[in-house]
Amino acid sequence: MNVKNQNIAQKSSERKMQDQCPHPGKSSIQLLLLRRFLWVSTIALLAIMSVPFLKSVYDKITQHGSTAGRVSIQPDEMVLPELVLIPAGSFDMGEQSTSFIKNLSADEKKYFGVPGKHVEIDRPFYLSKHEITNAQYDSYVRAQQFSVPMEKAPIVPPDVKKEKYDNYPVAEVSWRRAMAYAVWLGEQKQLNCRLPTEAEWEYAARAGLKNAYPWGDEIGINNAHCRECGSQWNDQRAAPVGQFKANLYGLYDTSGNVWEWTCSAWRDQYDGQEQQCAGMEEFGARAVRGGSWAYDPKYIRSSVRGEFDASIRYSGFGFRVMCLFPAE
């Protein structure tokens, strides 16, 4: 075979070998992709396997952080509110005085429950005799082992003696924190507790009467704590709880002193929400009742109502707790 024929044969043989083997460039890419896939899979597997370990580490860190500086309280050291049993019944909810209603502007009527409605309270319930005090709320703070008093501030000057401070209504507590306190109180009392609905609150405050105030239709002197109510505290700050005559159900300070959170979502007119509780996750305004030390007598009537966002904290806001009467 001559040289020419040998070259042709050699080239032919090389072409056959190239046809039988994969292209070198394509083979390199496939190998690289395979290696990357194996590497990513290994990392993902290790990450999944390490989740329980990382969670245990996180739990230890958060537990350490949340327990740092905690204080504790023994059951016999707790100061819990006294509860009053409110009987079942029915009432007309909203402002009852036609002469008073005539003098209200169209916008003002919603703040006095106009138009009103008839409401049935079909089972008795408990309501705290007084607005929740600093001493009672401090028991909650300590029992929950918060390192600082969460969402709570004193409403009395620093020169007031400790025993008097304890008896002032707690203030600057948001709606959700007030609801949380009620749940905690229920655990201590072995009852199902929450904030009262608007209807429950007004029913208890009226105590079977249709008067503007628990004591009658005239504001009088020194019957409650509000601006121009004639009490010794004037309109400077809240008064200690229980300084005025109780209503016929034995409840104190349902008129004036501090506004009280209810669990009901605010509505301009009664539409059924006044007999229900808003969900903890719901945003928006909540209804408050009773007026406060910073308002004039018109705004401490048993019918008065206010609207404030659930997150607000204000020195004129407090609350009392409602607990369901155990079913027989």
C-alpha atoms as a PDB file:
ATOM      1  CA  MET A   1       0.000   0.000   0.000  1.00  0.00           C
ATOM      2  CA  ASN A   2       1.438   3.383  -0.975  1.00  0.00           C
ATOM      3  CA  VAL A   3       1.720   6.340   1.371  1.00  0.00           C
ATOM      4  CA  LYS A   4      -1.372   8.025   0.003  1.00  0.00           C
ATOM      5  CA  ASN A   5      -3.513   4.977   0.530  1.00  0.00           C
ATOM      6  CA  GLN A   6      -2.072   4.570   4.043  1.00  0.00           C
ATOM      7  CA  ASN A   7      -3.079   8.150   4.956  1.00  0.00           C
ATOM      8  CA  ILE A   8      -6.574   7.628   3.634  1.00  0.00           C
ATOM      9  CA  ALA A   9      -6.953   4.419   5.643  1.00  0.00           C
ATOM     10  CA  GLN A  10      -5.649   6.082   8.809  1.00  0.00           C
ATOM     11  CA  LYS A  11      -8.060   9.012   8.495  1.00  0.00           C
ATOM     12  CA  SER A  12     -10.940   6.620   7.892  1.00  0.00           C
ATOM     13  CA  SER A  13     -10.026   4.668  11.026  1.00  0.00           C
ATOM     14  CA  GLU A  14      -9.874   7.905  13.136  1.00  0.00           C
ATOM     15  CA  ARG A  15     -13.338   8.962  11.897  1.00  0.00           C
ATOM     16  CA  LYS A  16     -14.776   5.610  12.977  1.00  0.00           C
ATOM     17  CA  MET A  17     -13.280   5.983  16.461  1.00  0.00           C
ATOM     18  CA  GLN A  18     -14.690   9.535  16.782  1.00  0.00           C
ATOM     19  CA  ASP A  19     -18.145   8.318  15.765  1.00  0.00           C
ATOM     20  CA  GLN A  20     -18.028   5.603  18.423  1.00  0.00           C
ATOM     21  CA  CYS A  21     -16.941   7.939  21.319  1.00  0.00           C
ATOM     22  CA  PRO A  22     -18.886  10.884  22.762  1.00  0.00           C
ATOM     23  CA  HIS A  23     -17.755  14.388  21.924  1.00  0.00           C
ATOM     24  CA  PRO A  24     -15.034  15.453  24.428  1.00  0.00           C
ATOM     25  CA  GLY A  25     -16.649  18.866  25.146  1.00  0.00           C
ATOM     26  CA  LYS A  26     -20.122  17.446  25.821  1.00  0.00           C
ATOM     27  CA  SER A  27     -18.653  14.760  28.111  1.00  0.00           C
ATOM     28  CA  SER A  28     -16.935  17.395  30.271  1.00  0.00           C
ATOM     29  CA  ILE A  29     -20.152  19.408  30.706  1.00  0.00           C
ATOM     30  CA  GLN A  30     -22.174  16.349  31.670  1.00  0.00           C
ATOM     31  CA  LEU A  31     -19.551  15.329  34.235  1.00  0.00           C
ATOM     32  CA  LEU A  32     -19.502  18.847  35.732  1.00  0.00           C
ATOM     33  CA  LEU A  33     -23.287  18.932  36.020  1.00  0.00           C
ATOM     34  CA  LEU A  34     -23.293  15.514  37.678  1.00  0.00           C
ATOM     35  CA  ARG A  35     -20.709  16.642  40.234  1.00  0.00           C
ATOM     36  CA  ARG A  36     -22.700  19.799  41.021  1.00  0.00           C
ATOM     37  CA  PHE A  37     -25.902  17.822  41.429  1.00  0.00           C
ATOM     38  CA  LEU A  38     -24.209  15.432  43.861  1.00  0.00           C
ATOM     39  CA  TRP A  39     -22.688  18.360  45.782  1.00  0.00           C
ATOM     40  CA  VAL A  40     -26.004  20.249  46.113  1.00  0.00           C
ATOM     41  CA  SER A  41     -27.832  17.067  47.105  1.00  0.00           C
ATOM     42  CA  THR A  42     -25.254  16.375  49.816  1.00  0.00           C
ATOM     43  CA  ILE A  43     -25.558  19.896  51.228  1.00  0.00           C
ATOM     44  CA  ALA A  44     -29.377  19.727  51.204  1.00  0.00           C
ATOM     45  CA  LEU A  45     -29.325  16.365  52.978  1.00  0.00           C
ATOM     46  CA  LEU A  46     -26.968  17.666  55.643  1.00  0.00           C
ATOM     47  CA  ALA A  47     -29.142  20.774  56.144  1.00  0.00           C
ATOM     48  CA  ILE A  48     -32.264  18.651  56.643  1.00  0.00           C
ATOM     49  CA  MET A  49     -30.472  16.374  59.076  1.00  0.00           C
ATOM     50  CA  SER A  50     -29.214  19.353  61.089  1.00  0.00           C
ATOM     51  CA  VAL A  51     -32.646  21.000  61.607  1.00  0.00           C
ATOM     52  CA  PRO A  52     -33.415  19.209  64.922  1.00  0.00           C
ATOM     53  CA  PHE A  53     -29.989  20.122  66.253  1.00  0.00           C
ATOM     54  CA  LEU A  54     -30.318  23.772  65.240  1.00  0.00           C
ATOM     55  CA  LYS A  55     -33.808  23.975  66.729  1.00  0.00           C
ATOM     56  CA  SER A  56     -32.556  22.604  70.052  1.00  0.00           C
ATOM     57  CA  VAL A  57     -29.779  25.194  70.083  1.00  0.00           C
ATOM     58  CA  TYR A  58     -32.267  27.974  69.255  1.00  0.00           C
ATOM     59  CA  ASP A  59     -34.642  26.825  71.979  1.00  0.00           C
ATOM     60  CA  LYS A  60     -31.848  26.877  74.546  1.00  0.00           C
ATOM     61  CA  ILE A  61     -30.792  30.378  73.502  1.00  0.00           C
ATOM     62  CA  THR A  62     -34.320  31.794  73.585  1.00  0.00           C
ATOM     63  CA  GLN A  63     -35.087  30.066  76.845  1.00  0.00           C
ATOM     64  CA  HIS A  64     -31.974  31.543  78.392  1.00  0.00           C
ATOM     65  CA  GLY A  65     -32.819  34.982  77.051  1.00  0.00           C
ATOM     66  CA  SER A  66     -36.414  34.879  78.253  1.00  0.00           C
ATOM     67  CA  THR A  67     -35.534  33.667  81.735  1.00  0.00           C
ATOM     68  CA  ALA A  68     -32.755  36.156  82.331  1.00  0.00           C
ATOM     69  CA  GLY A  69     -33.749  38.565  85.070  1.00  0.00           C
ATOM     70  CA  ARG A  70     -37.081  36.848  85.724  1.00  0.00           C
ATOM     71  CA  VAL A  71     -38.913  37.112  89.007  1.00  0.00           C
ATOM     72  CA  SER A  72     -41.377  34.583  90.352  1.00  0.00           C
ATOM     73  CA  ILE A  73     -44.432  34.664  92.578  1.00  0.00           C
ATOM     74  CA  GLN A  74     -45.988  32.076  94.835  1.00  0.00           C
ATOM     75  CA  PRO A  75     -49.742  31.370  94.618  1.00  0.00           C
ATOM     76  CA  ASP A  76     -50.362  32.764  98.103  1.00  0.00           C
ATOM     77  CA  GLU A  77     -48.668  36.020  97.063  1.00  0.00           C
ATOM     78  CA  MET A  78     -51.017  36.687  94.159  1.00  0.00           C
ATOM     79  CA  VAL A  79     -53.482  39.563  94.430  1.00  0.00           C
ATOM     80  CA  LEU A  80     -56.594  38.544  92.506  1.00  0.00           C
ATOM     81  CA  PRO A  81     -59.738  40.632  91.926  1.00  0.00           C
ATOM     82  CA  GLU A  82     -62.981  39.923  93.734  1.00  0.00           C
ATOM     83  CA  LEU A  83     -65.787  38.832  91.427  1.00  0.00           C
ATOM     84  CA  VAL A  84     -69.456  39.790  91.686  1.00  0.00           C
ATOM     85  CA  LEU A  85     -72.216  37.535  90.349  1.00  0.00           C
ATOM     86  CA  ILE A  86     -74.456  39.349  87.844  1.00  0.00           C
ATOM     87  CA  PRO A  87     -77.874  37.720  87.363  1.00  0.00           C
ATOM     88  CA  ALA A  88     -79.397  36.869  83.987  1.00  0.00           C
ATOM     89  CA  GLY A  89     -82.063  39.175  82.591  1.00  0.00           C
ATOM     90  CA  SER A  90     -82.836  41.658  79.831  1.00  0.00           C
ATOM     91  CA  PHE A  91     -82.569  45.414  79.346  1.00  0.00           C
ATOM     92  CA  ASP A  92     -82.854  48.252  76.870  1.00  0.00           C
ATOM     93  CA  MET A  93     -79.346  49.068  75.703  1.00  0.00           C
ATOM     94  CA  GLY A  94     -78.436  52.643  74.801  1.00  0.00           C
ATOM     95  CA  GLU A  95     -79.407  56.121  75.989  1.00  0.00           C
ATOM     96  CA  GLN A  96     -82.847  56.174  77.629  1.00  0.00           C
ATOM     97  CA  SER A  97     -83.483  59.905  78.029  1.00  0.00           C
ATOM     98  CA  THR A  98     -85.428  61.348  75.067  1.00  0.00           C
ATOM     99  CA  SER A  99     -84.703  64.915  76.202  1.00  0.00           C
ATOM    100  CA  PHE A 100     -80.967  64.184  76.275  1.00  0.00           C
ATOM    101  CA  ILE A 101     -81.095  62.546  72.833  1.00  0.00           C
ATOM    102  CA  LYS A 102     -82.813  65.630  71.343  1.00  0.00           C
ATOM    103  CA  ASN A 103     -79.748  67.722  72.160  1.00  0.00           C
ATOM    104  CA  LEU A 104     -77.262  65.332  70.533  1.00  0.00           C
ATOM    105  CA  SER A 105     -75.860  66.006  67.088  1.00  0.00           C
ATOM    106  CA  ALA A 106     -76.165  63.292  64.456  1.00  0.00           C
ATOM    107  CA  ASP A 107     -72.488  62.376  64.935  1.00  0.00           C
ATOM    108  CA  GLU A 108     -72.766  62.309  68.737  1.00  0.00           C
ATOM    109  CA  LYS A 109     -75.601  59.781  68.811  1.00  0.00           C
ATOM    110  CA  LYS A 110     -73.305  56.832  68.076  1.00  0.00           C
ATOM    111  CA  TYR A 111     -71.371  57.610  71.259  1.00  0.00           C
ATOM    112  CA  PHE A 112     -74.508  57.129  73.362  1.00  0.00           C
ATOM    113  CA  GLY A 113     -75.910  54.007  71.733  1.00  0.00           C
ATOM    114  CA  VAL A 114     -78.596  55.731  69.674  1.00  0.00           C
ATOM    115  CA  PRO A 115     -80.616  54.040  68.309  1.00  0.00           C
ATOM    116  CA  GLY A 116     -80.753  51.518  71.142  1.00  0.00           C
ATOM    117  CA  LYS A 117     -81.927  47.916  71.203  1.00  0.00           C
ATOM    118  CA  HIS A 118     -83.395  45.343  73.560  1.00  0.00           C
ATOM    119  CA  VAL A 119     -80.889  42.730  74.728  1.00  0.00           C
ATOM    120  CA  GLU A 120     -81.334  39.409  76.494  1.00  0.00           C
ATOM    121  CA  ILE A 121     -78.640  38.212  78.907  1.00  0.00           C
ATOM    122  CA  ASP A 122     -79.548  34.542  79.078  1.00  0.00           C
ATOM    123  CA  ARG A 123     -77.123  33.356  81.746  1.00  0.00           C
ATOM    124  CA  PRO A 124     -75.526  34.894  84.835  1.00  0.00           C
ATOM    125  CA  PHE A 125     -71.860  35.869  84.795  1.00  0.00           C
ATOM    126  CA  TYR A 126     -69.154  37.176  87.073  1.00  0.00           C
ATOM    127  CA  LEU A 127     -67.645  40.644  86.771  1.00  0.00           C
ATOM    128  CA  SER A 128     -64.762  42.058  88.778  1.00  0.00           C
ATOM    129  CA  LYS A 129     -66.048  44.322  91.534  1.00  0.00           C
ATOM    130  CA  HIS A 130     -63.474  47.005  90.751  1.00  0.00           C
ATOM    131  CA  GLU A 131     -61.380  48.028  87.797  1.00  0.00           C
ATOM    132  CA  ILE A 132     -58.248  45.874  87.748  1.00  0.00           C
ATOM    133  CA  THR A 133     -55.661  47.483  90.007  1.00  0.00           C
ATOM    134  CA  ASN A 134     -51.906  47.910  89.807  1.00  0.00           C
ATOM    135  CA  ALA A 135     -51.403  45.267  92.496  1.00  0.00           C
ATOM    136  CA  GLN A 136     -53.585  42.752  90.649  1.00  0.00           C
ATOM    137  CA  TYR A 137     -51.889  43.373  87.312  1.00  0.00           C
ATOM    138  CA  ASP A 138     -48.452  43.192  88.919  1.00  0.00           C
ATOM    139  CA  SER A 139     -49.334  39.696  90.129  1.00  0.00           C
ATOM    140  CA  TYR A 140     -49.958  38.738  86.508  1.00  0.00           C
ATOM    141  CA  VAL A 141     -46.677  40.285  85.387  1.00  0.00           C
ATOM    142  CA  ARG A 142     -44.726  38.406  88.048  1.00  0.00           C
ATOM    143  CA  ALA A 143     -46.566  35.126  87.567  1.00  0.00           C
ATOM    144  CA  GLN A 144     -45.892  35.263  83.838  1.00  0.00           C
ATOM    145  CA  GLN A 145     -42.258  35.946  84.756  1.00  0.00           C
ATOM    146  CA  PHE A 146     -41.879  38.923  82.462  1.00  0.00           C
ATOM    147  CA  SER A 147     -38.558  40.649  83.038  1.00  0.00           C
ATOM    148  CA  VAL A 148     -40.299  44.039  82.829  1.00  0.00           C
ATOM    149  CA  PRO A 149     -43.937  45.076  83.351  1.00  0.00           C
ATOM    150  CA  MET A 150     -45.177  44.753  79.788  1.00  0.00           C
ATOM    151  CA  GLU A 151     -47.489  47.462  78.421  1.00  0.00           C
ATOM    152  CA  LYS A 152     -48.260  48.852  81.798  1.00  0.00           C
ATOM    153  CA  ALA A 153     -47.399  52.091  83.498  1.00  0.00           C
ATOM    154  CA  PRO A 154     -48.353  53.652  86.826  1.00  0.00           C
ATOM    155  CA  ILE A 155     -50.908  56.445  86.660  1.00  0.00           C
ATOM    156  CA  VAL A 156     -50.024  58.046  89.967  1.00  0.00           C
ATOM    157  CA  PRO A 157     -47.133  60.342  90.913  1.00  0.00           C
ATOM    158  CA  PRO A 158     -43.962  58.715  92.289  1.00  0.00           C
ATOM    159  CA  ASP A 159     -44.501  60.278  95.726  1.00  0.00           C
ATOM    160  CA  VAL A 160     -47.668  58.246  96.342  1.00  0.00           C
ATOM    161  CA  LYS A 161     -47.189  55.535  98.952  1.00  0.00           C
ATOM    162  CA  LYS A 162     -46.916  51.920  97.789  1.00  0.00           C
ATOM    163  CA  GLU A 163     -50.160  50.778  99.412  1.00  0.00           C
ATOM    164  CA  LYS A 164     -52.067  53.567  97.661  1.00  0.00           C
ATOM    165  CA  TYR A 165     -50.380  52.907  94.334  1.00  0.00           C
ATOM    166  CA  ASP A 166     -51.462  49.276  94.557  1.00  0.00           C
ATOM    167  CA  ASN A 167     -55.111  50.312  94.777  1.00  0.00           C
ATOM    168  CA  TYR A 168     -55.126  52.566  91.714  1.00  0.00           C
ATOM    169  CA  PRO A 169     -56.525  51.178  88.447  1.00  0.00           C
ATOM    170  CA  VAL A 170     -53.865  49.857  86.111  1.00  0.00           C
ATOM    171  CA  ALA A 171     -53.538  51.925  82.945  1.00  0.00           C
ATOM    172  CA  GLU A 172     -51.750  52.010  79.596  1.00  0.00           C
ATOM    173  CA  VAL A 173     -52.655  48.386  78.956  1.00  0.00           C
ATOM    174  CA  SER A 174     -53.534  47.541  75.351  1.00  0.00           C
ATOM    175  CA  TRP A 175     -56.694  45.594  74.471  1.00  0.00           C
ATOM    176  CA  ARG A 176     -54.777  42.398  73.676  1.00  0.00           C
ATOM    177  CA  ARG A 177     -52.810  42.540  76.907  1.00  0.00           C
ATOM    178  CA  ALA A 178     -56.039  43.096  78.850  1.00  0.00           C
ATOM    179  CA  MET A 179     -57.534  40.046  77.131  1.00  0.00           C
ATOM    180  CA  ALA A 180     -54.413  38.035  77.982  1.00  0.00           C
ATOM    181  CA  TYR A 181     -54.731  39.045  81.641  1.00  0.00           C
ATOM    182  CA  ALA A 182     -58.350  37.868  81.640  1.00  0.00           C
ATOM    183  CA  VAL A 183     -57.349  34.455  80.291  1.00  0.00           C
ATOM    184  CA  TRP A 184     -54.641  34.179  82.946  1.00  0.00           C
ATOM    185  CA  LEU A 185     -57.099  35.154  85.681  1.00  0.00           C
ATOM    186  CA  GLY A 186     -59.438  32.426  84.477  1.00  0.00           C
ATOM    187  CA  GLU A 187     -56.662  29.898  84.978  1.00  0.00           C
ATOM    188  CA  GLN A 188     -56.206  31.066  88.560  1.00  0.00           C
ATOM    189  CA  LYS A 189     -59.947  31.079  89.285  1.00  0.00           C
ATOM    190  CA  GLN A 190     -60.611  27.907  87.282  1.00  0.00           C
ATOM    191  CA  LEU A 191     -63.176  29.810  85.237  1.00  0.00           C
ATOM    192  CA  ASN A 192     -63.521  30.863  81.609  1.00  0.00           C
ATOM    193  CA  CYS A 193     -62.666  34.575  81.705  1.00  0.00           C
ATOM    194  CA  ARG A 194     -62.366  37.396  79.176  1.00  0.00           C
ATOM    195  CA  LEU A 195     -63.295  41.054  78.826  1.00  0.00           C
ATOM    196  CA  PRO A 196     -67.051  41.718  78.900  1.00  0.00           C
ATOM    197  CA  THR A 197     -68.949  42.435  75.710  1.00  0.00           C
ATOM    198  CA  GLU A 198     -70.476  45.888  75.342  1.00  0.00           C
ATOM    199  CA  ALA A 199     -73.904  44.461  76.154  1.00  0.00           C
ATOM    200  CA  GLU A 200     -72.670  42.634  79.252  1.00  0.00           C
ATOM    201  CA  TRP A 201     -70.853  45.725  80.448  1.00  0.00           C
ATOM    202  CA  GLU A 202     -73.839  48.076  80.124  1.00  0.00           C
ATOM    203  CA  TYR A 203     -76.236  45.521  81.579  1.00  0.00           C
ATOM    204  CA  ALA A 204     -74.045  45.182  84.671  1.00  0.00           C
ATOM    205  CA  ALA A 205     -73.435  48.930  84.932  1.00  0.00           C
ATOM    206  CA  ARG A 206     -77.160  49.759  84.813  1.00  0.00           C
ATOM    207  CA  ALA A 207     -77.998  47.095  87.403  1.00  0.00           C
ATOM    208  CA  GLY A 208     -81.652  47.022  86.369  1.00  0.00           C
ATOM    209  CA  LEU A 209     -82.090  50.807  86.154  1.00  0.00           C
ATOM    210  CA  LYS A 210     -82.708  53.140  83.219  1.00  0.00           C
ATOM    211  CA  ASN A 211     -81.102  56.168  84.869  1.00  0.00           C
ATOM    212  CA  ALA A 212     -78.318  58.173  83.294  1.00  0.00           C
ATOM    213  CA  TYR A 213     -75.991  57.205  86.161  1.00  0.00           C
ATOM    214  CA  PRO A 214     -76.037  54.371  88.701  1.00  0.00           C
ATOM    215  CA  TRP A 215     -77.252  56.848  91.372  1.00  0.00           C
ATOM    216  CA  GLY A 216     -79.870  58.763  89.322  1.00  0.00           C
ATOM    217  CA  ASP A 217     -80.341  61.181  86.425  1.00  0.00           C
ATOM    218  CA  GLU A 218     -78.356  64.104  87.860  1.00  0.00           C
ATOM    219  CA  ILE A 219     -74.598  64.119  88.225  1.00  0.00           C
ATOM    220  CA  GLY A 220     -74.696  65.507  91.783  1.00  0.00           C
ATOM    221  CA  ILE A 221     -71.530  66.034  93.789  1.00  0.00           C
ATOM    222  CA  ASN A 222     -68.846  63.479  94.627  1.00  0.00           C
ATOM    223  CA  ASN A 223     -70.714  60.514  93.142  1.00  0.00           C
ATOM    224  CA  ALA A 224     -67.948  59.632  90.690  1.00  0.00           C
ATOM    225  CA  HIS A 225     -64.583  60.801  89.452  1.00  0.00           C
ATOM    226  CA  CYS A 226     -64.654  62.932  86.311  1.00  0.00           C
ATOM    227  CA  ARG A 227     -64.019  66.498  85.270  1.00  0.00           C
ATOM    228  CA  GLU A 228     -66.405  68.685  87.297  1.00  0.00           C
ATOM    229  CA  CYS A 229     -67.745  65.721  89.282  1.00  0.00           C
ATOM    230  CA  GLY A 230     -66.719  67.416  92.529  1.00  0.00           C
ATOM    231  CA  SER A 231     -64.382  64.699  93.816  1.00  0.00           C
ATOM    232  CA  GLN A 232     -61.172  65.444  95.711  1.00  0.00           C
ATOM    233  CA  TRP A 233     -59.084  64.282  92.742  1.00  0.00           C
ATOM    234  CA  ASN A 234     -60.656  66.781  90.323  1.00  0.00           C
ATOM    235  CA  ASP A 235     -59.425  66.057  86.780  1.00  0.00           C
ATOM    236  CA  GLN A 236     -55.748  65.571  87.589  1.00  0.00           C
ATOM    237  CA  ARG A 237     -55.505  61.774  87.526  1.00  0.00           C
ATOM    238  CA  ALA A 238     -57.455  58.599  88.291  1.00  0.00           C
ATOM    239  CA  ALA A 239     -58.636  57.878  91.808  1.00  0.00           C
ATOM    240  CA  PRO A 240     -58.039  54.710  93.819  1.00  0.00           C
ATOM    241  CA  VAL A 241     -60.758  52.160  93.083  1.00  0.00           C
ATOM    242  CA  GLY A 242     -63.846  51.884  95.287  1.00  0.00           C
ATOM    243  CA  GLN A 243     -63.962  55.479  96.545  1.00  0.00           C
ATOM    244  CA  PHE A 244     -67.600  56.060  95.607  1.00  0.00           C
ATOM    245  CA  LYS A 245     -70.871  54.262  96.222  1.00  0.00           C
ATOM    246  CA  ALA A 246     -71.351  50.957  94.378  1.00  0.00           C
ATOM    247  CA  ASN A 247     -74.261  50.330  92.018  1.00  0.00           C
ATOM    248  CA  LEU A 248     -77.097  47.948  92.893  1.00  0.00           C
ATOM    249  CA  TYR A 249     -75.068  44.935  91.728  1.00  0.00           C
ATOM    250  CA  GLY A 250     -72.147  45.889  93.959  1.00  0.00           C
ATOM    251  CA  LEU A 251     -69.876  47.195  91.180  1.00  0.00           C
ATOM    252  CA  TYR A 252     -67.688  50.255  91.706  1.00  0.00           C
ATOM    253  CA  ASP A 253     -66.562  52.969  89.283  1.00  0.00           C
ATOM    254  CA  THR A 254     -68.689  52.002  86.288  1.00  0.00           C
ATOM    255  CA  SER A 255     -69.051  55.759  85.724  1.00  0.00           C
ATOM    256  CA  GLY A 256     -65.803  57.689  85.391  1.00  0.00           C
ATOM    257  CA  ASN A 257     -62.306  57.038  86.754  1.00  0.00           C
ATOM    258  CA  VAL A 258     -60.925  55.181  83.681  1.00  0.00           C
ATOM    259  CA  TRP A 259     -62.411  54.014  80.416  1.00  0.00           C
ATOM    260  CA  GLU A 260     -62.830  50.240  80.393  1.00  0.00           C
ATOM    261  CA  TRP A 261     -62.037  47.965  77.460  1.00  0.00           C
ATOM    262  CA  THR A 262     -64.754  45.616  76.248  1.00  0.00           C
ATOM    263  CA  CYS A 263     -64.098  42.643  74.001  1.00  0.00           C
ATOM    264  CA  SER A 264     -66.478  43.948  71.300  1.00  0.00           C
ATOM    265  CA  ALA A 265     -65.408  45.432  67.984  1.00  0.00           C
ATOM    266  CA  TRP A 266     -66.622  48.988  67.510  1.00  0.00           C
ATOM    267  CA  ARG A 267     -69.665  49.688  65.340  1.00  0.00           C
ATOM    268  CA  ASP A 268     -71.289  53.091  64.866  1.00  0.00           C
ATOM    269  CA  GLN A 269     -74.655  51.442  65.488  1.00  0.00           C
ATOM    270  CA  TYR A 270     -75.553  48.250  67.294  1.00  0.00           C
ATOM    271  CA  ASP A 271     -75.551  45.391  64.804  1.00  0.00           C
ATOM    272  CA  GLY A 272     -74.896  42.331  66.963  1.00  0.00           C
ATOM    273  CA  GLN A 273     -71.189  42.948  67.541  1.00  0.00           C
ATOM    274  CA  GLU A 274     -72.055  44.499  70.903  1.00  0.00           C
ATOM    275  CA  GLN A 275     -72.969  40.980  72.058  1.00  0.00           C
ATOM    276  CA  GLN A 276     -69.848  39.312  70.659  1.00  0.00           C
ATOM    277  CA  CYS A 277     -66.081  39.362  71.164  1.00  0.00           C
ATOM    278  CA  ALA A 278     -63.652  40.329  68.439  1.00  0.00           C
ATOM    279  CA  GLY A 279     -60.915  37.820  67.648  1.00  0.00           C
ATOM    280  CA  MET A 280     -57.446  38.388  69.068  1.00  0.00           C
ATOM    281  CA  GLU A 281     -56.054  38.472  65.532  1.00  0.00           C
ATOM    282  CA  GLU A 282     -58.553  41.102  64.335  1.00  0.00           C
ATOM    283  CA  PHE A 283     -57.319  44.641  63.826  1.00  0.00           C
ATOM    284  CA  GLY A 284     -59.426  47.759  64.195  1.00  0.00           C
ATOM    285  CA  ALA A 285     -61.248  49.708  66.888  1.00  0.00           C
ATOM    286  CA  ARG A 286     -62.695  48.278  70.072  1.00  0.00           C
ATOM    287  CA  ALA A 287     -65.510  49.682  72.185  1.00  0.00           C
ATOM    288  CA  VAL A 288     -64.652  51.206  75.560  1.00  0.00           C
ATOM    289  CA  ARG A 289     -67.213  52.100  78.194  1.00  0.00           C
ATOM    290  CA  GLY A 290     -67.754  54.234  81.287  1.00  0.00           C
ATOM    291  CA  GLY A 291     -65.847  57.452  80.582  1.00  0.00           C
ATOM    292  CA  SER A 292     -62.878  58.647  82.612  1.00  0.00           C
ATOM    293  CA  TRP A 293     -61.462  61.231  84.972  1.00  0.00           C
ATOM    294  CA  ALA A 294     -60.495  63.461  82.021  1.00  0.00           C
ATOM    295  CA  TYR A 295     -64.047  63.784  80.625  1.00  0.00           C
ATOM    296  CA  ASP A 296     -67.016  65.905  81.698  1.00  0.00           C
ATOM    297  CA  PRO A 297     -70.196  64.414  83.275  1.00  0.00           C
ATOM    298  CA  LYS A 298     -71.919  64.002  79.936  1.00  0.00           C
ATOM    299  CA  TYR A 299     -69.392  61.341  79.011  1.00  0.00           C
ATOM    300  CA  ILE A 300     -69.686  59.128  82.065  1.00  0.00           C
ATOM    301  CA  ARG A 301     -73.347  58.181  81.561  1.00  0.00           C
ATOM    302  CA  SER A 302     -74.161  54.454  81.593  1.00  0.00           C
ATOM    303  CA  SER A 303     -74.909  54.674  77.867  1.00  0.00           C
ATOM    304  CA  VAL A 304     -71.648  56.332  76.839  1.00  0.00           C
ATOM    305  CA  ARG A 305     -69.273  54.451  74.559  1.00  0.00           C
ATOM    306  CA  GLY A 306     -66.011  55.216  72.791  1.00  0.00           C
ATOM    307  CA  GLU A 307     -63.975  53.805  69.917  1.00  0.00           C
ATOM    308  CA  PHE A 308     -60.234  53.267  70.170  1.00  0.00           C
ATOM    309  CA  ASP A 309     -57.779  51.105  68.283  1.00  0.00           C
ATOM    310  CA  ALA A 310     -56.945  47.806  69.976  1.00  0.00           C
ATOM    311  CA  SER A 311     -53.240  48.680  70.101  1.00  0.00           C
ATOM    312  CA  ILE A 312     -53.607  52.040  71.841  1.00  0.00           C
ATOM    313  CA  ARG A 313     -52.245  52.613  75.337  1.00  0.00           C
ATOM    314  CA  TYR A 314     -53.474  55.591  77.306  1.00  0.00           C
ATOM    315  CA  SER A 315     -53.368  56.700  80.933  1.00  0.00           C
ATOM    316  CA  GLY A 316     -57.152  56.991  80.986  1.00  0.00           C
ATOM    317  CA  PHE A 317     -57.755  53.358  79.929  1.00  0.00           C
ATOM    318  CA  GLY A 318     -58.268  50.457  82.290  1.00  0.00           C
ATOM    319  CA  PHE A 319     -60.468  47.361  82.320  1.00  0.00           C
ATOM    320  CA  ARG A 320     -62.401  44.875  84.399  1.00  0.00           C
ATOM    321  CA  VAL A 321     -62.791  41.150  83.785  1.00  0.00           C
ATOM    322  CA  MET A 322     -65.857  39.028  83.049  1.00  0.00           C
ATOM    323  CA  CYS A 323     -65.973  35.284  83.839  1.00  0.00           C
ATOM    324  CA  LEU A 324     -68.611  32.860  82.652  1.00  0.00           C
ATOM    325  CA  PHE A 325     -70.812  31.326  85.312  1.00  0.00           C
ATOM    326  CA  PRO A 326     -70.176  27.555  85.308  1.00  0.00           C
ATOM    327  CA  ALA A 327     -72.925  25.624  83.517  1.00  0.00           C
ATOM    328  CA  GLU A 328     -74.763  23.184  85.745  1.00  0.00           C
END
